[in-house]
Amino acid sequence: MTKHILITGSNGQLGREMRNLLEGRKDCKSYFTDVAELDITSQDEVNRFFNSCQIDYLVNCAAYTAVDKAESERTLCKKLNADAVSTLAQVAHAHGAKMLHISTDYVFDGNSCLPYEEQMSTNPCSVYGTTKLEGERNLMQTAPDSIIIRTAWLYSPYGQNFVKTMLNLGRSKPELKVIYDQTGTPTYALDLAKAIMTAIDADKWHSGIYHFANEGAISWYDFAKAVHRIAGIESCIVTPCRTEDYPTVAARPHYSVLDKCKIKETFGITIPYWEDSLKACIDRLTKKN
């Protein structure tokens, strides 16, 4: 039976990777929307879309992700990260569609010294994190049979991200300072997209909250060094600095490693090591250029 799948936020990093996976699937009828095609804050518009396309699954990749700007654009951030999730959930639930929503490690405060498990206490320290947590709660209140996947440090060959920034700066600057006292795990968007499709293709719908990132844990400094090493950039000196030496408008979690045991056990997936996925992404970027 053909699966009718709606991907919102399809021009973003994860949305583009979902498009790559789904466009070749003959067993899926896929609909890719972004702000120009569908206003996810309008219940009437979302309802009309569902009525015309008979959606079975909704994968919400749309979000307000400008972490620092969110501190001064609180209303817009909440509208996209919390209110729109409620709207999508209401319509999906009314039409009997399953919803899978992407959330973030920023729902935690980063004060742990052990990987965060799904049931651990949330305590966001930024407007972005607060609105993403509100979106999670709105979804589970409206459509408790949904899936939420929290992820972190997302990168891909598309859009703006840390990997592409480090490549560009490494080739144009003689020296860079990168934070060493924030620890997490990079996530290759293609790996996350594959995990999403595994959840959709499973024999049974396993609702609940899950964590997904690549395996391992590193600092931003280690990540930058690895990007340059893999890309063969030797002309730029990367030195470590502390968070306080690089102040930002919004606070970041100092430690946001996610425990992935639940998603691995539930769906029987093997998650690649972060460096292996980084090599794969840089290889794609090299071929693209």
C-alpha atoms as a PDB file:
ATOM      1  CA  MET A   1       0.000   0.000   0.000  1.00  0.00           C
ATOM      2  CA  THR A   2       1.325   3.436  -0.931  1.00  0.00           C
ATOM      3  CA  LYS A   3       2.300   5.670   1.976  1.00  0.00           C
ATOM      4  CA  HIS A   4       1.321   9.336   1.609  1.00  0.00           C
ATOM      5  CA  ILE A   5       4.014  11.332   3.417  1.00  0.00           C
ATOM      6  CA  LEU A   6       4.123  15.084   4.012  1.00  0.00           C
ATOM      7  CA  ILE A   7       7.513  16.635   4.798  1.00  0.00           C
ATOM      8  CA  THR A   8       7.293  20.178   6.171  1.00  0.00           C
ATOM      9  CA  GLY A   9      10.407  22.341   6.217  1.00  0.00           C
ATOM     10  CA  SER A  10      11.624  20.478   3.151  1.00  0.00           C
ATOM     11  CA  ASN A  11      14.121  23.165   2.101  1.00  0.00           C
ATOM     12  CA  GLY A  12      16.123  22.763   5.305  1.00  0.00           C
ATOM     13  CA  GLN A  13      19.037  20.417   5.939  1.00  0.00           C
ATOM     14  CA  LEU A  14      16.957  17.470   7.133  1.00  0.00           C
ATOM     15  CA  GLY A  15      14.133  18.183   4.706  1.00  0.00           C
ATOM     16  CA  ARG A  16      16.523  18.045   1.762  1.00  0.00           C
ATOM     17  CA  GLU A  17      17.882  14.686   2.922  1.00  0.00           C
ATOM     18  CA  MET A  18      14.330  13.377   3.341  1.00  0.00           C
ATOM     19  CA  ARG A  19      13.669  14.451  -0.227  1.00  0.00           C
ATOM     20  CA  ASN A  20      16.754  12.548  -1.405  1.00  0.00           C
ATOM     21  CA  LEU A  21      15.554   9.368   0.303  1.00  0.00           C
ATOM     22  CA  LEU A  22      11.913   9.588  -0.727  1.00  0.00           C
ATOM     23  CA  GLU A  23      12.074  10.727  -4.333  1.00  0.00           C
ATOM     24  CA  GLY A  24      13.214   7.282  -5.468  1.00  0.00           C
ATOM     25  CA  ARG A  25      10.642   5.357  -3.415  1.00  0.00           C
ATOM     26  CA  LYS A  26       7.845   3.929  -5.547  1.00  0.00           C
ATOM     27  CA  ASP A  27       5.908   2.790  -2.464  1.00  0.00           C
ATOM     28  CA  CYS A  28       5.600   6.379  -1.221  1.00  0.00           C
ATOM     29  CA  LYS A  29       3.693   9.391  -2.478  1.00  0.00           C
ATOM     30  CA  SER A  30       5.660  12.277  -1.004  1.00  0.00           C
ATOM     31  CA  TYR A  31       4.737  15.929  -0.588  1.00  0.00           C
ATOM     32  CA  PHE A  32       7.540  18.400   0.130  1.00  0.00           C
ATOM     33  CA  THR A  33       6.512  21.782   1.478  1.00  0.00           C
ATOM     34  CA  ASP A  34       8.180  24.840   2.934  1.00  0.00           C
ATOM     35  CA  VAL A  35       6.858  28.278   3.763  1.00  0.00           C
ATOM     36  CA  ALA A  36       6.044  29.086   0.114  1.00  0.00           C
ATOM     37  CA  GLU A  37       3.894  25.965  -0.335  1.00  0.00           C
ATOM     38  CA  LEU A  38       2.218  25.605   3.062  1.00  0.00           C
ATOM     39  CA  ASP A  39       1.706  27.972   5.996  1.00  0.00           C
ATOM     40  CA  ILE A  40       1.958  25.566   8.931  1.00  0.00           C
ATOM     41  CA  THR A  41       0.673  28.268  11.292  1.00  0.00           C
ATOM     42  CA  SER A  42      -2.708  28.328   9.494  1.00  0.00           C
ATOM     43  CA  GLN A  43      -5.048  25.549  10.582  1.00  0.00           C
ATOM     44  CA  ASP A  44      -7.378  26.176   7.627  1.00  0.00           C
ATOM     45  CA  GLU A  45      -4.522  25.926   5.141  1.00  0.00           C
ATOM     46  CA  VAL A  46      -3.082  22.770   6.712  1.00  0.00           C
ATOM     47  CA  ASN A  47      -6.562  21.243   6.857  1.00  0.00           C
ATOM     48  CA  ARG A  48      -7.159  21.945   3.152  1.00  0.00           C
ATOM     49  CA  PHE A  49      -3.816  20.347   2.305  1.00  0.00           C
ATOM     50  CA  PHE A  50      -4.674  17.194   4.264  1.00  0.00           C
ATOM     51  CA  ASN A  51      -8.098  17.007   2.631  1.00  0.00           C
ATOM     52  CA  SER A  52      -6.620  17.200  -0.862  1.00  0.00           C
ATOM     53  CA  CYS A  53      -3.673  14.831  -0.368  1.00  0.00           C
ATOM     54  CA  GLN A  54      -4.922  12.180   2.104  1.00  0.00           C
ATOM     55  CA  ILE A  55      -1.760  12.257   4.220  1.00  0.00           C
ATOM     56  CA  ASP A  56      -0.817   9.124   6.206  1.00  0.00           C
ATOM     57  CA  TYR A  57       2.377  10.434   7.806  1.00  0.00           C
ATOM     58  CA  LEU A  58       3.538  13.944   8.652  1.00  0.00           C
ATOM     59  CA  VAL A  59       7.250  14.529   9.285  1.00  0.00           C
ATOM     60  CA  ASN A  60       7.708  18.003  10.717  1.00  0.00           C
ATOM     61  CA  CYS A  61      11.200  19.272   9.901  1.00  0.00           C
ATOM     62  CA  ALA A  62      10.117  22.918  10.048  1.00  0.00           C
ATOM     63  CA  ALA A  63      11.460  25.067  12.875  1.00  0.00           C
ATOM     64  CA  TYR A  64      12.804  28.452  13.879  1.00  0.00           C
ATOM     65  CA  THR A  65      16.483  27.631  14.483  1.00  0.00           C
ATOM     66  CA  ALA A  66      18.244  31.025  14.772  1.00  0.00           C
ATOM     67  CA  VAL A  67      19.175  30.459  18.414  1.00  0.00           C
ATOM     68  CA  ASP A  68      20.564  33.931  19.144  1.00  0.00           C
ATOM     69  CA  LYS A  69      17.957  35.880  17.147  1.00  0.00           C
ATOM     70  CA  ALA A  70      15.245  33.967  19.002  1.00  0.00           C
ATOM     71  CA  GLU A  71      16.079  35.904  22.170  1.00  0.00           C
ATOM     72  CA  SER A  72      14.712  39.061  20.511  1.00  0.00           C
ATOM     73  CA  GLU A  73      12.176  37.341  18.211  1.00  0.00           C
ATOM     74  CA  ARG A  74      10.413  35.375  20.913  1.00  0.00           C
ATOM     75  CA  THR A  75       6.942  35.719  19.372  1.00  0.00           C
ATOM     76  CA  LEU A  76       7.980  34.442  15.943  1.00  0.00           C
ATOM     77  CA  CYS A  77      10.054  31.647  17.470  1.00  0.00           C
ATOM     78  CA  LYS A  78       7.105  30.496  19.595  1.00  0.00           C
ATOM     79  CA  LYS A  79       4.751  30.718  16.618  1.00  0.00           C
ATOM     80  CA  LEU A  80       6.872  28.313  14.556  1.00  0.00           C
ATOM     81  CA  ASN A  81       8.298  26.015  17.243  1.00  0.00           C
ATOM     82  CA  ALA A  82       5.273  25.681  19.521  1.00  0.00           C
ATOM     83  CA  ASP A  83       2.020  27.033  18.085  1.00  0.00           C
ATOM     84  CA  ALA A  84       2.532  25.555  14.598  1.00  0.00           C
ATOM     85  CA  VAL A  85       3.296  22.150  16.113  1.00  0.00           C
ATOM     86  CA  SER A  86      -0.047  22.290  17.907  1.00  0.00           C
ATOM     87  CA  THR A  87      -1.780  23.199  14.645  1.00  0.00           C
ATOM     88  CA  LEU A  88      -0.120  20.369  12.724  1.00  0.00           C
ATOM     89  CA  ALA A  89      -0.897  17.915  15.513  1.00  0.00           C
ATOM     90  CA  GLN A  90      -4.583  18.865  15.622  1.00  0.00           C
ATOM     91  CA  VAL A  91      -5.018  18.441  11.874  1.00  0.00           C
ATOM     92  CA  ALA A  92      -2.972  15.240  11.656  1.00  0.00           C
ATOM     93  CA  HIS A  93      -4.882  13.720  14.584  1.00  0.00           C
ATOM     94  CA  ALA A  94      -8.247  14.703  13.093  1.00  0.00           C
ATOM     95  CA  HIS A  95      -7.306  13.017   9.797  1.00  0.00           C
ATOM     96  CA  GLY A  96      -5.888   9.874  11.416  1.00  0.00           C
ATOM     97  CA  ALA A  97      -2.347  10.623  10.245  1.00  0.00           C
ATOM     98  CA  LYS A  98       0.751   9.733  12.262  1.00  0.00           C
ATOM     99  CA  MET A  99       3.059  12.639  13.137  1.00  0.00           C
ATOM    100  CA  LEU A 100       6.818  12.525  13.615  1.00  0.00           C
ATOM    101  CA  HIS A 101       8.357  15.728  14.958  1.00  0.00           C
ATOM    102  CA  ILE A 102      11.994  16.816  15.240  1.00  0.00           C
ATOM    103  CA  SER A 103      13.152  18.419  18.472  1.00  0.00           C
ATOM    104  CA  THR A 104      16.486  19.332  20.026  1.00  0.00           C
ATOM    105  CA  ASP A 105      19.090  18.784  22.745  1.00  0.00           C
ATOM    106  CA  TYR A 106      18.448  22.413  23.760  1.00  0.00           C
ATOM    107  CA  VAL A 107      15.473  21.249  25.862  1.00  0.00           C
ATOM    108  CA  PHE A 108      18.144  20.304  28.445  1.00  0.00           C
ATOM    109  CA  ASP A 109      20.265  22.754  30.454  1.00  0.00           C
ATOM    110  CA  GLY A 110      23.557  20.962  29.808  1.00  0.00           C
ATOM    111  CA  ASN A 111      24.450  20.529  33.477  1.00  0.00           C
ATOM    112  CA  SER A 112      24.594  16.732  33.312  1.00  0.00           C
ATOM    113  CA  CYS A 113      27.828  14.772  33.102  1.00  0.00           C
ATOM    114  CA  LEU A 114      26.124  11.671  31.676  1.00  0.00           C
ATOM    115  CA  PRO A 115      24.352  11.267  28.309  1.00  0.00           C
ATOM    116  CA  TYR A 116      20.770  12.491  28.452  1.00  0.00           C
ATOM    117  CA  GLU A 117      18.082   9.811  28.394  1.00  0.00           C
ATOM    118  CA  GLU A 118      14.612  10.600  27.085  1.00  0.00           C
ATOM    119  CA  GLN A 119      12.906  10.636  30.491  1.00  0.00           C
ATOM    120  CA  MET A 120      15.425  12.957  32.175  1.00  0.00           C
ATOM    121  CA  SER A 121      14.263  16.352  33.426  1.00  0.00           C
ATOM    122  CA  THR A 122      14.163  19.139  30.846  1.00  0.00           C
ATOM    123  CA  ASN A 123      15.288  22.656  31.681  1.00  0.00           C
ATOM    124  CA  PRO A 124      15.970  24.789  28.589  1.00  0.00           C
ATOM    125  CA  CYS A 125      18.210  27.832  29.035  1.00  0.00           C
ATOM    126  CA  SER A 126      17.221  29.756  25.876  1.00  0.00           C
ATOM    127  CA  VAL A 127      14.112  30.988  24.093  1.00  0.00           C
ATOM    128  CA  TYR A 128      14.803  28.505  21.301  1.00  0.00           C
ATOM    129  CA  GLY A 129      14.994  25.570  23.719  1.00  0.00           C
ATOM    130  CA  THR A 130      11.946  26.764  25.645  1.00  0.00           C
ATOM    131  CA  THR A 131       9.787  27.002  22.513  1.00  0.00           C
ATOM    132  CA  LYS A 132      10.959  23.611  21.241  1.00  0.00           C
ATOM    133  CA  LEU A 133      10.005  22.036  24.578  1.00  0.00           C
ATOM    134  CA  GLU A 134       6.616  23.764  24.407  1.00  0.00           C
ATOM    135  CA  GLY A 135       6.185  22.279  20.932  1.00  0.00           C
ATOM    136  CA  GLU A 136       6.912  18.801  22.291  1.00  0.00           C
ATOM    137  CA  ARG A 137       4.320  19.237  25.033  1.00  0.00           C
ATOM    138  CA  ASN A 138       1.720  20.619  22.621  1.00  0.00           C
ATOM    139  CA  LEU A 139       2.211  17.617  20.357  1.00  0.00           C
ATOM    140  CA  MET A 140       1.968  15.007  23.102  1.00  0.00           C
ATOM    141  CA  GLN A 141      -1.102  16.679  24.571  1.00  0.00           C
ATOM    142  CA  THR A 142      -2.918  16.817  21.229  1.00  0.00           C
ATOM    143  CA  ALA A 143      -1.647  13.625  19.551  1.00  0.00           C
ATOM    144  CA  PRO A 144      -0.034  11.372  22.193  1.00  0.00           C
ATOM    145  CA  ASP A 145       0.565   8.614  19.638  1.00  0.00           C
ATOM    146  CA  SER A 146       3.186  10.762  17.877  1.00  0.00           C
ATOM    147  CA  ILE A 147       6.956  10.283  17.665  1.00  0.00           C
ATOM    148  CA  ILE A 148       9.398  12.976  18.791  1.00  0.00           C
ATOM    149  CA  ILE A 149      13.069  12.661  17.855  1.00  0.00           C
ATOM    150  CA  ARG A 150      15.486  14.984  19.628  1.00  0.00           C
ATOM    151  CA  THR A 151      18.720  15.583  17.784  1.00  0.00           C
ATOM    152  CA  ALA A 152      21.813  17.794  18.051  1.00  0.00           C
ATOM    153  CA  TRP A 153      24.574  19.564  16.108  1.00  0.00           C
ATOM    154  CA  LEU A 154      22.943  18.883  12.721  1.00  0.00           C
ATOM    155  CA  TYR A 155      24.973  19.255   9.536  1.00  0.00           C
ATOM    156  CA  SER A 156      24.692  18.283   5.866  1.00  0.00           C
ATOM    157  CA  PRO A 157      25.847  19.414   2.403  1.00  0.00           C
ATOM    158  CA  TYR A 158      22.901  21.849   2.408  1.00  0.00           C
ATOM    159  CA  GLY A 159      22.279  25.232   3.990  1.00  0.00           C
ATOM    160  CA  GLN A 160      24.419  26.805   6.686  1.00  0.00           C
ATOM    161  CA  ASN A 161      26.024  24.633   9.336  1.00  0.00           C
ATOM    162  CA  PHE A 162      29.193  24.226  11.391  1.00  0.00           C
ATOM    163  CA  VAL A 163      30.925  21.873   8.954  1.00  0.00           C
ATOM    164  CA  LYS A 164      30.504  24.172   5.956  1.00  0.00           C
ATOM    165  CA  THR A 165      31.491  27.194   8.040  1.00  0.00           C
ATOM    166  CA  MET A 166      34.689  25.497   9.231  1.00  0.00           C
ATOM    167  CA  LEU A 167      35.538  24.499   5.661  1.00  0.00           C
ATOM    168  CA  ASN A 168      35.031  28.040   4.377  1.00  0.00           C
ATOM    169  CA  LEU A 169      36.907  29.708   7.240  1.00  0.00           C
ATOM    170  CA  GLY A 170      39.671  27.123   7.163  1.00  0.00           C
ATOM    171  CA  ARG A 171      40.351  27.932   3.527  1.00  0.00           C
ATOM    172  CA  SER A 172      40.201  31.701   3.992  1.00  0.00           C
ATOM    173  CA  LYS A 173      41.596  32.401   7.489  1.00  0.00           C
ATOM    174  CA  PRO A 174      45.103  31.770   8.871  1.00  0.00           C
ATOM    175  CA  GLU A 175      43.776  31.118  12.394  1.00  0.00           C
ATOM    176  CA  LEU A 176      40.521  30.205  14.138  1.00  0.00           C
ATOM    177  CA  LYS A 177      39.458  30.015  17.766  1.00  0.00           C
ATOM    178  CA  VAL A 178      36.822  27.370  18.538  1.00  0.00           C
ATOM    179  CA  ILE A 179      35.075  26.577  21.838  1.00  0.00           C
ATOM    180  CA  TYR A 180      36.423  23.506  23.652  1.00  0.00           C
ATOM    181  CA  ASP A 181      34.224  23.449  26.789  1.00  0.00           C
ATOM    182  CA  GLN A 182      30.920  22.522  25.111  1.00  0.00           C
ATOM    183  CA  THR A 183      30.510  18.803  24.483  1.00  0.00           C
ATOM    184  CA  GLY A 184      27.983  17.021  22.306  1.00  0.00           C
ATOM    185  CA  THR A 185      27.645  14.779  19.285  1.00  0.00           C
ATOM    186  CA  PRO A 186      27.364  15.885  15.647  1.00  0.00           C
ATOM    187  CA  THR A 187      24.440  14.532  13.631  1.00  0.00           C
ATOM    188  CA  TYR A 188      24.699  13.904   9.904  1.00  0.00           C
ATOM    189  CA  ALA A 189      21.262  14.818   8.536  1.00  0.00           C
ATOM    190  CA  LEU A 190      21.267  11.868   6.131  1.00  0.00           C
ATOM    191  CA  ASP A 191      21.693   9.427   9.034  1.00  0.00           C
ATOM    192  CA  LEU A 192      18.776  11.063  10.848  1.00  0.00           C
ATOM    193  CA  ALA A 193      16.626  10.933   7.695  1.00  0.00           C
ATOM    194  CA  LYS A 194      17.313   7.199   7.402  1.00  0.00           C
ATOM    195  CA  ALA A 195      16.300   6.694  11.041  1.00  0.00           C
ATOM    196  CA  ILE A 196      13.052   8.583  10.408  1.00  0.00           C
ATOM    197  CA  MET A 197      12.207   6.332   7.475  1.00  0.00           C
ATOM    198  CA  THR A 198      13.029   3.252   9.562  1.00  0.00           C
ATOM    199  CA  ALA A 199      10.453   4.438  12.096  1.00  0.00           C
ATOM    200  CA  ILE A 200       7.849   5.000   9.366  1.00  0.00           C
ATOM    201  CA  ASP A 201       8.589   1.675   7.654  1.00  0.00           C
ATOM    202  CA  ALA A 202       8.450  -0.357  10.887  1.00  0.00           C
ATOM    203  CA  ASP A 203       5.759  -3.035  11.153  1.00  0.00           C
ATOM    204  CA  LYS A 204       4.359  -1.220  14.184  1.00  0.00           C
ATOM    205  CA  TRP A 205       4.149   2.487  15.028  1.00  0.00           C
ATOM    206  CA  HIS A 206       6.251   3.025  18.165  1.00  0.00           C
ATOM    207  CA  SER A 207       5.084   6.353  19.603  1.00  0.00           C
ATOM    208  CA  GLY A 208       7.143   8.248  22.169  1.00  0.00           C
ATOM    209  CA  ILE A 209      10.233  10.402  22.582  1.00  0.00           C
ATOM    210  CA  TYR A 210      13.586   9.254  21.156  1.00  0.00           C
ATOM    211  CA  HIS A 211      17.110  10.618  20.914  1.00  0.00           C
ATOM    212  CA  PHE A 212      19.237  10.438  17.774  1.00  0.00           C
ATOM    213  CA  ALA A 213      22.732  11.702  17.038  1.00  0.00           C
ATOM    214  CA  ASN A 214      25.798   9.965  15.685  1.00  0.00           C
ATOM    215  CA  GLU A 215      27.884   7.829  18.054  1.00  0.00           C
ATOM    216  CA  GLY A 216      30.620   9.356  20.183  1.00  0.00           C
ATOM    217  CA  ALA A 217      31.120  12.684  21.980  1.00  0.00           C
ATOM    218  CA  ILE A 218      33.396  15.624  21.169  1.00  0.00           C
ATOM    219  CA  SER A 219      33.823  19.364  21.686  1.00  0.00           C
ATOM    220  CA  TRP A 220      33.291  21.983  18.995  1.00  0.00           C
ATOM    221  CA  TYR A 221      37.082  22.394  18.935  1.00  0.00           C
ATOM    222  CA  ASP A 222      37.597  18.674  18.263  1.00  0.00           C
ATOM    223  CA  PHE A 223      34.899  18.824  15.618  1.00  0.00           C
ATOM    224  CA  ALA A 224      36.595  21.736  13.835  1.00  0.00           C
ATOM    225  CA  LYS A 225      39.969  19.982  13.941  1.00  0.00           C
ATOM    226  CA  ALA A 226      38.416  16.853  12.426  1.00  0.00           C
ATOM    227  CA  VAL A 227      36.749  18.848   9.623  1.00  0.00           C
ATOM    228  CA  HIS A 228      40.083  20.363   8.631  1.00  0.00           C
ATOM    229  CA  ARG A 229      41.978  17.084   8.927  1.00  0.00           C
ATOM    230  CA  ILE A 230      39.509  15.171   6.760  1.00  0.00           C
ATOM    231  CA  ALA A 231      39.320  17.993   4.192  1.00  0.00           C
ATOM    232  CA  GLY A 232      43.112  18.282   4.051  1.00  0.00           C
ATOM    233  CA  ILE A 233      43.165  21.886   5.260  1.00  0.00           C
ATOM    234  CA  GLU A 234      46.610  22.594   6.745  1.00  0.00           C
ATOM    235  CA  SER A 235      46.963  26.361   6.313  1.00  0.00           C
ATOM    236  CA  CYS A 236      44.674  27.320   9.208  1.00  0.00           C
ATOM    237  CA  ILE A 237      45.685  27.039  12.864  1.00  0.00           C
ATOM    238  CA  VAL A 238      42.744  26.071  15.106  1.00  0.00           C
ATOM    239  CA  THR A 239      43.139  26.944  18.784  1.00  0.00           C
ATOM    240  CA  PRO A 240      40.758  26.204  21.678  1.00  0.00           C
ATOM    241  CA  CYS A 241      38.886  28.884  23.591  1.00  0.00           C
ATOM    242  CA  ARG A 242      36.343  28.934  26.414  1.00  0.00           C
ATOM    243  CA  THR A 243      32.654  29.750  26.108  1.00  0.00           C
ATOM    244  CA  GLU A 244      33.207  32.982  28.056  1.00  0.00           C
ATOM    245  CA  ASP A 245      35.765  34.059  25.457  1.00  0.00           C
ATOM    246  CA  TYR A 246      33.126  33.806  22.724  1.00  0.00           C
ATOM    247  CA  PRO A 247      29.961  35.316  24.237  1.00  0.00           C
ATOM    248  CA  THR A 248      26.630  34.724  22.499  1.00  0.00           C
ATOM    249  CA  VAL A 249      23.204  36.250  23.058  1.00  0.00           C
ATOM    250  CA  ALA A 250      21.632  32.886  23.936  1.00  0.00           C
ATOM    251  CA  ALA A 251      23.070  30.407  26.423  1.00  0.00           C
ATOM    252  CA  ARG A 252      24.170  27.018  25.082  1.00  0.00           C
ATOM    253  CA  PRO A 253      24.221  23.693  26.961  1.00  0.00           C
ATOM    254  CA  HIS A 254      27.774  22.878  28.065  1.00  0.00           C
ATOM    255  CA  TYR A 255      27.045  19.151  27.811  1.00  0.00           C
ATOM    256  CA  SER A 256      24.334  17.803  25.505  1.00  0.00           C
ATOM    257  CA  VAL A 257      25.351  14.260  24.597  1.00  0.00           C
ATOM    258  CA  LEU A 258      22.189  12.248  23.914  1.00  0.00           C
ATOM    259  CA  ASP A 259      21.702   8.630  24.944  1.00  0.00           C
ATOM    260  CA  LYS A 260      20.566   6.665  21.867  1.00  0.00           C
ATOM    261  CA  CYS A 261      19.840   3.253  23.445  1.00  0.00           C
ATOM    262  CA  LYS A 262      16.045   3.568  23.151  1.00  0.00           C
ATOM    263  CA  ILE A 263      15.940   4.306  19.405  1.00  0.00           C
ATOM    264  CA  LYS A 264      18.538   1.614  18.649  1.00  0.00           C
ATOM    265  CA  GLU A 265      16.692  -1.054  20.636  1.00  0.00           C
ATOM    266  CA  THR A 266      13.189  -0.098  19.457  1.00  0.00           C
ATOM    267  CA  PHE A 267      13.953   0.045  15.732  1.00  0.00           C
ATOM    268  CA  GLY A 268      16.983  -2.262  15.538  1.00  0.00           C
ATOM    269  CA  ILE A 269      19.199   0.382  13.960  1.00  0.00           C
ATOM    270  CA  THR A 270      22.960   0.792  14.019  1.00  0.00           C
ATOM    271  CA  ILE A 271      24.084   4.414  14.299  1.00  0.00           C
ATOM    272  CA  PRO A 272      27.331   5.395  12.530  1.00  0.00           C
ATOM    273  CA  TYR A 273      30.288   6.882  14.409  1.00  0.00           C
ATOM    274  CA  TRP A 274      30.427  10.674  14.045  1.00  0.00           C
ATOM    275  CA  GLU A 275      33.766  10.745  12.222  1.00  0.00           C
ATOM    276  CA  ASP A 276      32.689   8.170   9.633  1.00  0.00           C
ATOM    277  CA  SER A 277      29.599  10.237   8.828  1.00  0.00           C
ATOM    278  CA  LEU A 278      31.624  13.439   8.719  1.00  0.00           C
ATOM    279  CA  LYS A 279      33.925  11.858   6.128  1.00  0.00           C
ATOM    280  CA  ALA A 280      30.887  10.840   4.054  1.00  0.00           C
ATOM    281  CA  CYS A 281      29.481  14.368   4.142  1.00  0.00           C
ATOM    282  CA  ILE A 282      32.775  16.044   3.247  1.00  0.00           C
ATOM    283  CA  ASP A 283      33.151  13.586   0.377  1.00  0.00           C
ATOM    284  CA  ARG A 284      29.744  14.660  -0.937  1.00  0.00           C
ATOM    285  CA  LEU A 285      30.685  18.317  -0.576  1.00  0.00           C
ATOM    286  CA  THR A 286      33.962  17.726  -2.431  1.00  0.00           C
ATOM    287  CA  LYS A 287      32.171  16.026  -5.321  1.00  0.00           C
ATOM    288  CA  LYS A 288      29.525  18.764  -5.354  1.00  0.00           C
ATOM    289  CA  ASN A 289      32.172  21.456  -5.727  1.00  0.00           C
END
